[in-house]
Every structure is written in structure tokens, then in C-alpha cells.
Amino acid sequence: MVYVHYGRANGVNLVPASTIQGNQASALMGYSVAGAGDVNGDGFSDVLIGAMPYSNGQEHEGAGFVYHGGCAAVYFVL
């Protein structure tokens, strides 16, 4: 399972912006994680998530997933 946390002016937001769960218990979702730059050209950094022994047609071929970053909404409480 992978938890994605957005940064903010005073550090990292402790509440995850997203929780990503694989559909295979033995796939090791999140085994590797890396910054990917701006993959989709929207101006926000994206993240690559690896699942080394993921199986999809072949046994343990591995897979990579892209999490597209974005701008989290800001709420003010008065």
C-alpha cells in the first residue's frame, strides 16, 4: 500500500491525499517509489510507484504506476 502526502508551507500534510492499494497481496506495491517530473504536462510533479513481482499475464513481470500530482484545495476556517 502506498500513502501519498502533499507538502505544504510548514512541512508535510499528515493526512494522506491518496491511499493506493494494489490488487495483489504479493505484488509489493510501493516496493520502489521515485519522482517522475511532470509526466502529463499539467505543471505538477508526478510520482512513479513500482510493484516488482506484479503479475499481469506473465508471472512476476512487475509493473509501474504513475500518480499524477495536483493542487490540493485549501479551506479556511473562520
PDB file of N, CA and C in Angstrom:
ATOM      1  N   MET A   1       0.848  -1.167   0.000  1.00  0.00           N
ATOM      2  CA  MET A   1       0.000   0.000   0.000  1.00  0.00           C
ATOM      3  C   MET A   1       0.893   1.229   0.000  1.00  0.00           C
ATOM      4  N   VAL A   2       0.444   2.247  -0.690  1.00  0.00           N
ATOM      5  CA  VAL A   2       1.206   3.491  -0.796  1.00  0.00           C
ATOM      6  C   VAL A   2       0.341   4.635  -0.289  1.00  0.00           C
ATOM      7  N   TYR A   3       0.916   5.477   0.546  1.00  0.00           N
ATOM      8  CA  TYR A   3       0.238   6.678   1.032  1.00  0.00           C
ATOM      9  C   TYR A   3       0.919   7.877   0.389  1.00  0.00           C
ATOM     10  N   VAL A   4       0.142   8.745  -0.240  1.00  0.00           N
ATOM     11  CA  VAL A   4       0.674   9.948  -0.874  1.00  0.00           C
ATOM     12  C   VAL A   4       0.322  11.146   0.006  1.00  0.00           C
ATOM     13  N   HIS A   5       1.350  11.881   0.417  1.00  0.00           N
ATOM     14  CA  HIS A   5       1.161  13.073   1.247  1.00  0.00           C
ATOM     15  C   HIS A   5       1.632  14.291   0.461  1.00  0.00           C
ATOM     16  N   TYR A   6       0.829  15.336   0.448  1.00  0.00           N
ATOM     17  CA  TYR A   6       1.221  16.584  -0.192  1.00  0.00           C
ATOM     18  C   TYR A   6       2.037  17.415   0.786  1.00  0.00           C
ATOM     19  N   GLY A   7       2.945  18.195   0.234  1.00  0.00           N
ATOM     20  CA  GLY A   7       3.682  19.142   1.045  1.00  0.00           C
ATOM     21  C   GLY A   7       2.861  20.406   1.240  1.00  0.00           C
ATOM     22  N   ARG A   8       3.266  21.198   2.199  1.00  0.00           N
ATOM     23  CA  ARG A   8       2.626  22.487   2.450  1.00  0.00           C
ATOM     24  C   ARG A   8       3.692  23.428   2.982  1.00  0.00           C
ATOM     25  N   ALA A   9       3.343  24.673   3.157  1.00  0.00           N
ATOM     26  CA  ALA A   9       4.325  25.692   3.540  1.00  0.00           C
ATOM     27  C   ALA A   9       5.096  25.341   4.802  1.00  0.00           C
ATOM     28  N   ASN A  10       4.459  24.700   5.776  1.00  0.00           N
ATOM     29  CA  ASN A  10       5.140  24.397   7.039  1.00  0.00           C
ATOM     30  C   ASN A  10       5.492  22.909   7.182  1.00  0.00           C
ATOM     31  N   GLY A  11       5.654  22.197   6.078  1.00  0.00           N
ATOM     32  CA  GLY A  11       6.048  20.789   6.139  1.00  0.00           C
ATOM     33  C   GLY A  11       5.118  19.901   5.342  1.00  0.00           C
ATOM     34  N   VAL A  12       5.018  18.658   5.760  1.00  0.00           N
ATOM     35  CA  VAL A  12       4.198  17.680   5.054  1.00  0.00           C
ATOM     36  C   VAL A  12       2.839  17.574   5.732  1.00  0.00           C
ATOM     37  N   ASN A  13       1.785  17.545   4.930  1.00  0.00           N
ATOM     38  CA  ASN A  13       0.439  17.341   5.465  1.00  0.00           C
ATOM     39  C   ASN A  13       0.360  15.915   6.009  1.00  0.00           C
ATOM     40  N   LEU A  14      -0.002  15.740   7.257  1.00  0.00           N
ATOM     41  CA  LEU A  14      -0.025  14.424   7.887  1.00  0.00           C
ATOM     42  C   LEU A  14      -1.191  13.558   7.420  1.00  0.00           C
ATOM     43  N   VAL A  15      -2.188  14.167   6.808  1.00  0.00           N
ATOM     44  CA  VAL A  15      -3.323  13.413   6.276  1.00  0.00           C
ATOM     45  C   VAL A  15      -3.018  13.061   4.826  1.00  0.00           C
ATOM     46  N   PRO A  16      -3.026  11.776   4.459  1.00  0.00           N
ATOM     47  CA  PRO A  16      -2.707  11.406   3.073  1.00  0.00           C
ATOM     48  C   PRO A  16      -3.708  11.989   2.075  1.00  0.00           C
ATOM     49  N   ALA A  17      -3.189  12.473   0.953  1.00  0.00           N
ATOM     50  CA  ALA A  17      -4.041  12.950  -0.130  1.00  0.00           C
ATOM     51  C   ALA A  17      -4.644  11.765  -0.871  1.00  0.00           C
ATOM     52  N   SER A  18      -3.946  10.634  -0.841  1.00  0.00           N
ATOM     53  CA  SER A  18      -4.417   9.438  -1.524  1.00  0.00           C
ATOM     54  C   SER A  18      -3.801   8.206  -0.890  1.00  0.00           C
ATOM     55  N   THR A  19      -4.552   7.128  -0.896  1.00  0.00           N
ATOM     56  CA  THR A  19      -4.054   5.821  -0.464  1.00  0.00           C
ATOM     57  C   THR A  19      -4.213   4.887  -1.653  1.00  0.00           C
ATOM     58  N   ILE A  20      -3.122   4.312  -2.107  1.00  0.00           N
ATOM     59  CA  ILE A  20      -3.149   3.452  -3.293  1.00  0.00           C
ATOM     60  C   ILE A  20      -2.865   2.022  -2.870  1.00  0.00           C
ATOM     61  N   GLN A  21      -3.792   1.159  -3.208  1.00  0.00           N
ATOM     62  CA  GLN A  21      -3.692  -0.237  -2.794  1.00  0.00           C
ATOM     63  C   GLN A  21      -3.652  -1.122  -4.031  1.00  0.00           C
ATOM     64  N   GLY A  22      -2.728  -2.062  -4.073  1.00  0.00           N
ATOM     65  CA  GLY A  22      -2.645  -2.997  -5.186  1.00  0.00           C
ATOM     66  C   GLY A  22      -3.693  -4.087  -5.068  1.00  0.00           C
ATOM     67  N   ASN A  23      -3.971  -4.749  -6.163  1.00  0.00           N
ATOM     68  CA  ASN A  23      -4.961  -5.822  -6.151  1.00  0.00           C
ATOM     69  C   ASN A  23      -4.319  -7.202  -5.998  1.00  0.00           C
ATOM     70  N   GLN A  24      -3.027  -7.236  -5.691  1.00  0.00           N
ATOM     71  CA  GLN A  24      -2.323  -8.498  -5.491  1.00  0.00           C
ATOM     72  C   GLN A  24      -1.488  -8.385  -4.213  1.00  0.00           C
ATOM     73  N   ALA A  25      -1.782  -9.244  -3.259  1.00  0.00           N
ATOM     74  CA  ALA A  25      -1.104  -9.169  -1.963  1.00  0.00           C
ATOM     75  C   ALA A  25       0.402  -9.357  -2.073  1.00  0.00           C
ATOM     76  N   SER A  26       0.853 -10.162  -3.008  1.00  0.00           N
ATOM     77  CA  SER A  26       2.286 -10.452  -3.128  1.00  0.00           C
ATOM     78  C   SER A  26       3.001  -9.563  -4.138  1.00  0.00           C
ATOM     79  N   ALA A  27       2.339  -8.520  -4.639  1.00  0.00           N
ATOM     80  CA  ALA A  27       2.939  -7.658  -5.666  1.00  0.00           C
ATOM     81  C   ALA A  27       3.909  -6.630  -5.101  1.00  0.00           C
ATOM     82  N   LEU A  28       3.920  -6.448  -3.778  1.00  0.00           N
ATOM     83  CA  LEU A  28       4.810  -5.473  -3.129  1.00  0.00           C
ATOM     84  C   LEU A  28       4.614  -4.056  -3.669  1.00  0.00           C
ATOM     85  N   MET A  29       3.352  -3.634  -3.761  1.00  0.00           N
ATOM     86  CA  MET A  29       3.030  -2.282  -4.219  1.00  0.00           C
ATOM     87  C   MET A  29       3.775  -1.276  -3.356  1.00  0.00           C
ATOM     88  N   GLY A  30       4.530  -0.387  -3.974  1.00  0.00           N
ATOM     89  CA  GLY A  30       5.322   0.595  -3.247  1.00  0.00           C
ATOM     90  C   GLY A  30       6.730   0.123  -2.943  1.00  0.00           C
ATOM     91  N   TYR A  31       7.134  -1.016  -3.506  1.00  0.00           N
ATOM     92  CA  TYR A  31       8.492  -1.541  -3.302  1.00  0.00           C
ATOM     93  C   TYR A  31       9.522  -0.483  -3.685  1.00  0.00           C
ATOM     94  N   SER A  32       9.191   0.244  -4.737  1.00  0.00           N
ATOM     95  CA  SER A  32      10.049   1.359  -5.134  1.00  0.00           C
ATOM     96  C   SER A  32       9.162   2.559  -5.456  1.00  0.00           C
ATOM     97  N   VAL A  33       9.651   3.741  -5.135  1.00  0.00           N
ATOM     98  CA  VAL A  33       8.930   4.991  -5.381  1.00  0.00           C
ATOM     99  C   VAL A  33       9.949   6.019  -5.833  1.00  0.00           C
ATOM    100  N   ALA A  34       9.584   6.810  -6.854  1.00  0.00           N
ATOM    101  CA  ALA A  34      10.510   7.823  -7.351  1.00  0.00           C
ATOM    102  C   ALA A  34       9.746   8.998  -7.939  1.00  0.00           C
ATOM    103  N   GLY A  35      10.341  10.170  -7.865  1.00  0.00           N
ATOM    104  CA  GLY A  35       9.773  11.331  -8.531  1.00  0.00           C
ATOM    105  C   GLY A  35       9.885  11.144 -10.033  1.00  0.00           C
ATOM    106  N   ALA A  36       8.863  11.570 -10.766  1.00  0.00           N
ATOM    107  CA  ALA A  36       8.835  11.361 -12.212  1.00  0.00           C
ATOM    108  C   ALA A  36       8.854  12.663 -12.999  1.00  0.00           C
ATOM    109  N   GLY A  37       8.957  13.788 -12.315  1.00  0.00           N
ATOM    110  CA  GLY A  37       8.821  15.055 -13.022  1.00  0.00           C
ATOM    111  C   GLY A  37       7.356  15.294 -13.335  1.00  0.00           C
ATOM    112  N   ASP A  38       7.085  16.004 -14.404  1.00  0.00           N
ATOM    113  CA  ASP A  38       5.711  16.311 -14.800  1.00  0.00           C
ATOM    114  C   ASP A  38       5.343  15.454 -16.008  1.00  0.00           C
ATOM    115  N   VAL A  39       4.886  14.244 -15.783  1.00  0.00           N
ATOM    116  CA  VAL A  39       4.603  13.268 -16.845  1.00  0.00           C
ATOM    117  C   VAL A  39       3.482  13.735 -17.772  1.00  0.00           C
ATOM    118  N   ASN A  40       2.417  14.295 -17.219  1.00  0.00           N
ATOM    119  CA  ASN A  40       1.253  14.633 -18.043  1.00  0.00           C
ATOM    120  C   ASN A  40       1.169  16.114 -18.435  1.00  0.00           C
ATOM    121  N   GLY A  41       2.193  16.888 -18.132  1.00  0.00           N
ATOM    122  CA  GLY A  41       2.268  18.272 -18.584  1.00  0.00           C
ATOM    123  C   GLY A  41       1.290  19.238 -17.941  1.00  0.00           C
ATOM    124  N   ASP A  42       0.806  18.927 -16.729  1.00  0.00           N
ATOM    125  CA  ASP A  42      -0.157  19.814 -16.072  1.00  0.00           C
ATOM    126  C   ASP A  42       0.484  20.821 -15.121  1.00  0.00           C
ATOM    127  N   GLY A  43       1.814  20.799 -15.022  1.00  0.00           N
ATOM    128  CA  GLY A  43       2.514  21.743 -14.159  1.00  0.00           C
ATOM    129  C   GLY A  43       2.770  21.240 -12.751  1.00  0.00           C
ATOM    130  N   PHE A  44       2.331  20.013 -12.424  1.00  0.00           N
ATOM    131  CA  PHE A  44       2.542  19.432 -11.103  1.00  0.00           C
ATOM    132  C   PHE A  44       3.428  18.199 -11.203  1.00  0.00           C
ATOM    133  N   SER A  45       4.270  17.977 -10.212  1.00  0.00           N
ATOM    134  CA  SER A  45       5.150  16.806 -10.190  1.00  0.00           C
ATOM    135  C   SER A  45       4.335  15.534 -10.003  1.00  0.00           C
ATOM    136  N   ASP A  46       4.773  14.473 -10.649  1.00  0.00           N
ATOM    137  CA  ASP A  46       4.125  13.168 -10.566  1.00  0.00           C
ATOM    138  C   ASP A  46       5.067  12.172  -9.912  1.00  0.00           C
ATOM    139  N   VAL A  47       4.542  11.035  -9.491  1.00  0.00           N
ATOM    140  CA  VAL A  47       5.317  10.031  -8.774  1.00  0.00           C
ATOM    141  C   VAL A  47       5.158   8.671  -9.451  1.00  0.00           C
ATOM    142  N   LEU A  48       6.265   7.939  -9.575  1.00  0.00           N
ATOM    143  CA  LEU A  48       6.231   6.560 -10.080  1.00  0.00           C
ATOM    144  C   LEU A  48       6.217   5.603  -8.899  1.00  0.00           C
ATOM    145  N   ILE A  49       5.362   4.599  -8.969  1.00  0.00           N
ATOM    146  CA  ILE A  49       5.241   3.596  -7.914  1.00  0.00           C
ATOM    147  C   ILE A  49       5.477   2.232  -8.537  1.00  0.00           C
ATOM    148  N   GLY A  50       6.424   1.484  -7.985  1.00  0.00           N
ATOM    149  CA  GLY A  50       6.749   0.172  -8.521  1.00  0.00           C
ATOM    150  C   GLY A  50       6.155  -0.965  -7.708  1.00  0.00           C
ATOM    151  N   ALA A  51       5.842  -2.044  -8.417  1.00  0.00           N
ATOM    152  CA  ALA A  51       5.390  -3.286  -7.800  1.00  0.00           C
ATOM    153  C   ALA A  51       6.189  -4.397  -8.487  1.00  0.00           C
ATOM    154  N   MET A  52       7.342  -4.693  -7.919  1.00  0.00           N
ATOM    155  CA  MET A  52       8.324  -5.552  -8.573  1.00  0.00           C
ATOM    156  C   MET A  52       7.781  -6.914  -9.032  1.00  0.00           C
ATOM    157  N   PRO A  53       7.132  -7.718  -8.179  1.00  0.00           N
ATOM    158  CA  PRO A  53       6.675  -9.025  -8.656  1.00  0.00           C
ATOM    159  C   PRO A  53       5.215  -9.056  -9.122  1.00  0.00           C
ATOM    160  N   TYR A  54       4.652  -7.907  -9.533  1.00  0.00           N
ATOM    161  CA  TYR A  54       3.270  -7.849 -10.008  1.00  0.00           C
ATOM    162  C   TYR A  54       3.094  -8.782 -11.199  1.00  0.00           C
ATOM    163  N   SER A  55       1.977  -9.486 -11.235  1.00  0.00           N
ATOM    164  CA  SER A  55       1.687 -10.409 -12.343  1.00  0.00           C
ATOM    165  C   SER A  55       0.478  -9.916 -13.129  1.00  0.00           C
ATOM    166  N   ASN A  56       0.661  -9.823 -14.450  1.00  0.00           N
ATOM    167  CA  ASN A  56      -0.419  -9.393 -15.337  1.00  0.00           C
ATOM    168  C   ASN A  56      -0.264 -10.101 -16.676  1.00  0.00           C
ATOM    169  N   GLY A  57      -0.565 -11.375 -16.697  1.00  0.00           N
ATOM    170  CA  GLY A  57      -0.390 -12.169 -17.915  1.00  0.00           C
ATOM    171  C   GLY A  57       0.825 -13.074 -17.832  1.00  0.00           C
ATOM    172  N   GLN A  58       1.889 -12.568 -17.293  1.00  0.00           N
ATOM    173  CA  GLN A  58       3.093 -13.352 -17.033  1.00  0.00           C
ATOM    174  C   GLN A  58       3.327 -13.328 -15.531  1.00  0.00           C
ATOM    175  N   GLU A  59       3.913 -14.358 -15.011  1.00  0.00           N
ATOM    176  CA  GLU A  59       4.135 -14.396 -13.571  1.00  0.00           C
ATOM    177  C   GLU A  59       5.318 -13.524 -13.175  1.00  0.00           C
ATOM    178  N   HIS A  60       5.091 -12.629 -12.239  1.00  0.00           N
ATOM    179  CA  HIS A  60       6.124 -11.755 -11.649  1.00  0.00           C
ATOM    180  C   HIS A  60       6.839 -10.884 -12.679  1.00  0.00           C
ATOM    181  N   GLU A  61       6.107 -10.334 -13.642  1.00  0.00           N
ATOM    182  CA  GLU A  61       6.724  -9.465 -14.638  1.00  0.00           C
ATOM    183  C   GLU A  61       6.998  -8.061 -14.109  1.00  0.00           C
ATOM    184  N   GLY A  62       6.291  -7.675 -13.047  1.00  0.00           N
ATOM    185  CA  GLY A  62       6.467  -6.358 -12.468  1.00  0.00           C
ATOM    186  C   GLY A  62       5.600  -5.318 -13.161  1.00  0.00           C
ATOM    187  N   ALA A  63       5.406  -4.199 -12.476  1.00  0.00           N
ATOM    188  CA  ALA A  63       4.597  -3.122 -13.042  1.00  0.00           C
ATOM    189  C   ALA A  63       5.008  -1.799 -12.414  1.00  0.00           C
ATOM    190  N   GLY A  64       4.740  -0.745 -13.149  1.00  0.00           N
ATOM    191  CA  GLY A  64       4.947   0.606 -12.649  1.00  0.00           C
ATOM    192  C   GLY A  64       3.653   1.384 -12.791  1.00  0.00           C
ATOM    193  N   PHE A  65       3.347   2.216 -11.812  1.00  0.00           N
ATOM    194  CA  PHE A  65       2.129   3.013 -11.816  1.00  0.00           C
ATOM    195  C   PHE A  65       2.513   4.471 -11.625  1.00  0.00           C
ATOM    196  N   VAL A  66       1.760   5.372 -12.237  1.00  0.00           N
ATOM    197  CA  VAL A  66       2.024   6.804 -12.120  1.00  0.00           C
ATOM    198  C   VAL A  66       0.913   7.442 -11.297  1.00  0.00           C
ATOM    199  N   TYR A  67       1.296   8.204 -10.271  1.00  0.00           N
ATOM    200  CA  TYR A  67       0.350   9.013  -9.518  1.00  0.00           C
ATOM    201  C   TYR A  67       0.529  10.435 -10.017  1.00  0.00           C
ATOM    202  N   HIS A  68      -0.524  10.994 -10.598  1.00  0.00           N
ATOM    203  CA  HIS A  68      -0.461  12.357 -11.112  1.00  0.00           C
ATOM    204  C   HIS A  68      -0.710  13.336  -9.970  1.00  0.00           C
ATOM    205  N   GLY A  69       0.275  14.170  -9.709  1.00  0.00           N
ATOM    206  CA  GLY A  69       0.165  15.163  -8.645  1.00  0.00           C
ATOM    207  C   GLY A  69      -0.801  16.257  -9.032  1.00  0.00           C
ATOM    208  N   GLY A  70      -1.115  17.099  -8.076  1.00  0.00           N
ATOM    209  CA  GLY A  70      -2.042  18.190  -8.341  1.00  0.00           C
ATOM    210  C   GLY A  70      -2.056  19.153  -7.191  1.00  0.00           C
ATOM    211  N   CYS A  71      -2.958  20.072  -7.274  1.00  0.00           N
ATOM    212  CA  CYS A  71      -3.111  21.100  -6.254  1.00  0.00           C
ATOM    213  C   CYS A  71      -4.245  20.690  -5.326  1.00  0.00           C
ATOM    214  N   ALA A  72      -3.949  20.587  -4.051  1.00  0.00           N
ATOM    215  CA  ALA A  72      -4.998  20.264  -3.070  1.00  0.00           C
ATOM    216  C   ALA A  72      -5.777  21.535  -2.741  1.00  0.00           C
ATOM    217  N   ALA A  73      -7.051  21.381  -2.521  1.00  0.00           N
ATOM    218  CA  ALA A  73      -7.887  22.527  -2.162  1.00  0.00           C
ATOM    219  C   ALA A  73      -7.476  23.057  -0.784  1.00  0.00           C
ATOM    220  N   VAL A  74      -7.577  24.342  -0.607  1.00  0.00           N
ATOM    221  CA  VAL A  74      -7.242  24.972   0.656  1.00  0.00           C
ATOM    222  C   VAL A  74      -8.538  25.509   1.264  1.00  0.00           C
ATOM    223  N   TYR A  75      -8.799  25.145   2.500  1.00  0.00           N
ATOM    224  CA  TYR A  75     -10.006  25.580   3.187  1.00  0.00           C
ATOM    225  C   TYR A  75      -9.616  26.450   4.374  1.00  0.00           C
ATOM    226  N   PHE A  76     -10.293  27.540   4.550  1.00  0.00           N
ATOM    227  CA  PHE A  76     -10.042  28.423   5.684  1.00  0.00           C
ATOM    228  C   PHE A  76     -11.224  28.335   6.637  1.00  0.00           C
ATOM    229  N   VAL A  77     -10.938  28.199   7.908  1.00  0.00           N
ATOM    230  CA  VAL A  77     -11.971  28.168   8.924  1.00  0.00           C
ATOM    231  C   VAL A  77     -11.914  29.495   9.675  1.00  0.00           C
ATOM    232  N   LEU A  78     -13.023  30.198   9.702  1.00  0.00           N
ATOM    233  CA  LEU A  78     -13.064  31.497  10.372  1.00  0.00           C
ATOM    234  C   LEU A  78     -13.633  31.373  11.759  1.00  0.00           C
TER     235      LEU A  78
END
